[in-house]
Amino acid sequence: MEAARQHKRDQSTLHRYAGVMISRVYDMRPRIRVPLTRLHVGIEIATIGILVIMLFYVWQVWPSVPERVPQKFDFSGQPTRWGERSGLWLLPGLSLGIYALLSVLQRMPHVYNYPTDLSPEEAPRLYEIGVSLVMWMKLQVVVLFALLSWRQVEVALGRTSGLEAWIVPALVTLNLGTVAYHLLRMREARQRF
């Protein structure tokens, strides 16, 4: 019994220590406002535009959609589960939520998990690359959910039998490629200093 209490106290101390260390790392990083480039502004406009189009599209087709719509697809793109048509709002809702969370995160590059320690000289460049990564990920997630939402409606209306098998793997590969590209940019920026 006493051993269990001691173990619990040790774990609590370790968690407090880890929390203090993490907090200190973020507190030591410079807090710099990263100015948006024209490319960043274009990405933001495109992301918002796709979100608005997706929401408008679902709202527009809502009266003509049957009561049962596909909600899950297998790897070959065929629907495997059908549900209520209110499920059509799930992907646009998730898109808005992810967009909002990533927009907040975009403003706090000092809390990102960088592949290296940051010096004050490196921080502005690495923050810029980190913000760029978050913005591209926002766009790609919104595009993926918009495509899935559109295909979900098309299947529900009987215009097609399922998803094209390439859509999800292609967009997941694009996401992974984007992360790899930005990590390489961070590595190169780090080597310049």
Protein backbone atom coordinates (compact mmCIF):
# COMPACT_ATOMS: atom_id res chain seq x y z
CA MET A 1 0.00 0.00 0.00
CA GLU A 2 2.77 2.43 0.95
CA ALA A 3 4.70 1.53 -2.21
CA ALA A 4 1.67 2.43 -4.33
CA ARG A 5 1.38 5.83 -2.63
CA GLN A 6 5.09 6.50 -3.10
CA HIS A 7 4.82 5.55 -6.79
CA LYS A 8 1.87 7.94 -7.19
CA ARG A 9 3.83 10.77 -5.50
CA ASP A 10 6.82 10.09 -7.75
CA GLN A 11 4.64 10.21 -10.87
CA SER A 12 2.99 13.44 -9.70
CA THR A 13 6.42 15.03 -9.12
CA LEU A 14 7.60 13.86 -12.56
CA HIS A 15 4.51 15.32 -14.26
CA ARG A 16 4.94 18.63 -12.45
CA TYR A 17 8.61 18.70 -13.40
CA ALA A 18 7.86 17.89 -17.05
CA GLY A 19 5.19 20.60 -17.13
CA VAL A 20 7.60 23.14 -15.68
CA MET A 21 10.28 22.19 -18.20
CA ILE A 22 7.89 22.46 -21.14
CA SER A 23 6.62 25.79 -19.86
CA ARG A 24 10.16 27.10 -19.49
CA VAL A 25 11.04 26.08 -23.07
CA TYR A 26 8.10 28.05 -24.46
CA ASP A 27 8.79 30.98 -22.15
CA MET A 28 12.40 31.15 -23.39
CA ARG A 29 11.38 31.31 -27.04
CA PRO A 30 10.96 34.77 -28.49
CA ARG A 31 7.41 35.84 -29.23
CA ILE A 32 7.54 37.32 -32.69
CA ARG A 33 4.64 38.36 -34.87
CA VAL A 34 5.17 36.71 -38.24
CA PRO A 35 4.10 39.01 -41.08
CA LEU A 36 1.98 37.35 -43.74
CA THR A 37 3.36 37.26 -47.26
CA ARG A 38 1.23 37.64 -50.37
CA LEU A 39 1.28 33.87 -50.74
CA HIS A 40 -0.03 33.48 -47.18
CA VAL A 41 -2.83 35.95 -47.85
CA GLY A 42 -3.71 34.05 -51.04
CA ILE A 43 -3.78 30.74 -49.16
CA GLU A 44 -6.04 32.27 -46.48
CA ILE A 45 -8.44 33.73 -49.07
CA ALA A 46 -8.58 30.38 -50.92
CA THR A 47 -9.23 28.49 -47.68
CA ILE A 48 -12.03 30.82 -46.61
CA GLY A 49 -13.49 30.74 -50.13
CA ILE A 50 -13.59 26.95 -50.19
CA LEU A 51 -15.19 26.89 -46.72
CA VAL A 52 -17.89 29.31 -47.83
CA ILE A 53 -18.52 27.37 -51.06
CA MET A 54 -18.76 24.09 -49.14
CA LEU A 55 -21.26 25.51 -46.64
CA PHE A 56 -23.29 27.16 -49.40
CA TYR A 57 -23.28 23.96 -51.46
CA VAL A 58 -24.61 21.79 -48.62
CA TRP A 59 -27.23 24.42 -47.78
CA GLN A 60 -28.22 24.68 -51.47
CA VAL A 61 -28.65 20.92 -52.08
CA TRP A 62 -30.22 20.24 -48.68
CA PRO A 63 -33.86 20.23 -49.90
CA SER A 64 -33.13 17.75 -52.70
CA VAL A 65 -31.02 15.29 -50.70
CA PRO A 66 -32.78 12.08 -49.64
CA GLU A 67 -33.24 11.17 -45.98
CA ARG A 68 -30.40 8.58 -46.11
CA VAL A 69 -26.91 9.64 -47.18
CA PRO A 70 -23.57 7.81 -47.22
CA GLN A 71 -21.50 8.47 -44.13
CA LYS A 72 -18.62 6.06 -44.51
CA PHE A 73 -16.71 4.72 -47.51
CA ASP A 74 -14.36 1.75 -47.85
CA PHE A 75 -10.92 1.83 -49.48
CA SER A 76 -12.38 1.21 -52.92
CA GLY A 77 -14.65 4.26 -52.50
CA GLN A 78 -17.93 2.40 -52.06
CA PRO A 79 -20.35 3.50 -49.31
CA THR A 80 -20.38 1.09 -46.37
CA ARG A 81 -22.64 2.98 -43.97
CA TRP A 82 -25.64 5.21 -44.55
CA GLY A 83 -27.23 7.58 -42.07
CA GLU A 84 -29.48 10.57 -41.64
CA ARG A 85 -29.01 13.48 -44.00
CA SER A 86 -28.06 15.74 -41.10
CA GLY A 87 -24.71 13.94 -41.35
CA LEU A 88 -24.00 16.11 -44.40
CA TRP A 89 -23.18 18.95 -42.02
CA LEU A 90 -20.46 16.95 -40.22
CA LEU A 91 -17.65 17.60 -42.71
CA PRO A 92 -18.39 21.33 -43.11
CA GLY A 93 -18.62 21.62 -39.31
CA LEU A 94 -15.33 19.81 -38.82
CA SER A 95 -13.75 22.00 -41.49
CA LEU A 96 -14.83 25.14 -39.66
CA GLY A 97 -13.59 23.78 -36.34
CA ILE A 98 -10.20 22.71 -37.69
CA TYR A 99 -9.88 26.00 -39.56
CA ALA A 100 -10.57 27.95 -36.35
CA LEU A 101 -8.14 25.89 -34.24
CA LEU A 102 -5.35 26.11 -36.81
CA SER A 103 -5.98 29.86 -37.21
CA VAL A 104 -5.42 30.31 -33.47
CA LEU A 105 -2.33 28.08 -33.58
CA GLN A 106 -1.01 30.03 -36.56
CA ARG A 107 -0.71 33.09 -34.31
CA MET A 108 1.45 31.26 -31.74
CA PRO A 109 4.51 29.91 -33.59
CA HIS A 110 6.53 29.95 -30.37
CA VAL A 111 4.61 26.87 -29.15
CA TYR A 112 5.24 24.71 -32.24
CA ASN A 113 7.33 21.60 -31.91
CA TYR A 114 10.41 22.46 -33.97
CA PRO A 115 12.90 19.77 -34.99
CA THR A 116 15.73 21.72 -33.32
CA ASP A 117 16.34 24.15 -30.48
CA LEU A 118 15.77 27.75 -31.42
CA SER A 119 18.18 30.60 -31.05
CA PRO A 120 16.90 34.19 -31.14
CA GLU A 121 18.57 34.65 -34.54
CA GLU A 122 16.87 31.59 -36.06
CA ALA A 123 13.43 32.13 -34.59
CA PRO A 124 12.02 34.58 -37.16
CA ARG A 125 12.86 32.36 -40.13
CA LEU A 126 11.74 29.13 -38.47
CA TYR A 127 8.54 30.76 -37.25
CA GLU A 128 7.80 31.91 -40.80
CA ILE A 129 8.25 28.36 -42.11
CA GLY A 130 6.11 26.96 -39.27
CA VAL A 131 3.29 29.43 -39.97
CA SER A 132 3.49 28.57 -43.67
CA LEU A 133 3.13 24.87 -42.82
CA VAL A 134 0.05 25.52 -40.67
CA MET A 135 -1.54 27.63 -43.41
CA TRP A 136 -0.95 25.00 -46.11
CA MET A 137 -2.35 22.31 -43.81
CA LYS A 138 -5.49 24.40 -43.22
CA LEU A 139 -6.01 24.70 -46.96
CA GLN A 140 -5.42 21.01 -47.62
CA VAL A 141 -7.75 19.83 -44.85
CA VAL A 142 -10.51 22.13 -46.08
CA VAL A 143 -10.02 20.95 -49.69
CA LEU A 144 -10.14 17.30 -48.60
CA PHE A 145 -13.33 17.79 -46.57
CA ALA A 146 -14.93 19.84 -49.36
CA LEU A 147 -14.22 17.07 -51.90
CA LEU A 148 -15.56 14.41 -49.55
CA SER A 149 -18.65 16.49 -48.79
CA TRP A 150 -19.31 17.04 -52.50
CA ARG A 151 -18.90 13.34 -53.31
CA GLN A 152 -21.11 12.42 -50.36
CA VAL A 153 -23.92 14.51 -51.87
CA GLU A 154 -23.30 13.12 -55.36
CA VAL A 155 -23.64 9.55 -54.07
CA ALA A 156 -26.75 10.44 -52.06
CA LEU A 157 -28.37 11.92 -55.18
CA GLY A 158 -27.47 8.85 -57.24
CA ARG A 159 -25.19 10.74 -59.65
CA THR A 160 -22.28 8.44 -58.86
CA SER A 161 -21.79 5.16 -57.03
CA GLY A 162 -18.90 6.14 -54.79
CA LEU A 163 -15.66 8.02 -54.29
CA GLU A 164 -12.85 7.78 -56.76
CA ALA A 165 -10.28 5.56 -55.08
CA TRP A 166 -7.46 8.06 -55.66
CA ILE A 167 -8.94 11.08 -53.82
CA VAL A 168 -8.05 10.31 -50.22
CA PRO A 169 -4.63 8.68 -50.85
CA ALA A 170 -3.64 11.55 -53.13
CA LEU A 171 -4.58 14.22 -50.61
CA VAL A 172 -2.98 12.35 -47.69
CA THR A 173 0.21 12.02 -49.76
CA LEU A 174 0.03 15.74 -50.51
CA ASN A 175 -0.31 16.49 -46.77
CA LEU A 176 2.68 14.31 -45.90
CA GLY A 177 4.67 15.89 -48.73
CA THR A 178 3.83 19.35 -47.41
CA VAL A 179 5.06 18.44 -43.94
CA ALA A 180 8.26 16.89 -45.35
CA TYR A 181 8.91 19.95 -47.53
CA HIS A 182 8.54 22.36 -44.63
CA LEU A 183 10.72 20.21 -42.35
CA LEU A 184 13.43 20.26 -45.02
CA ARG A 185 13.10 24.04 -45.27
CA MET A 186 13.52 24.27 -41.49
CA ARG A 187 16.59 22.08 -41.64
CA GLU A 188 18.11 24.21 -44.40
CA ALA A 189 17.32 27.42 -42.53
CA ARG A 190 18.93 25.98 -39.42
CA GLN A 191 22.12 25.09 -41.34
CA ARG A 192 22.48 28.68 -42.58
CA PHE A 193 23.00 29.92 -39.03
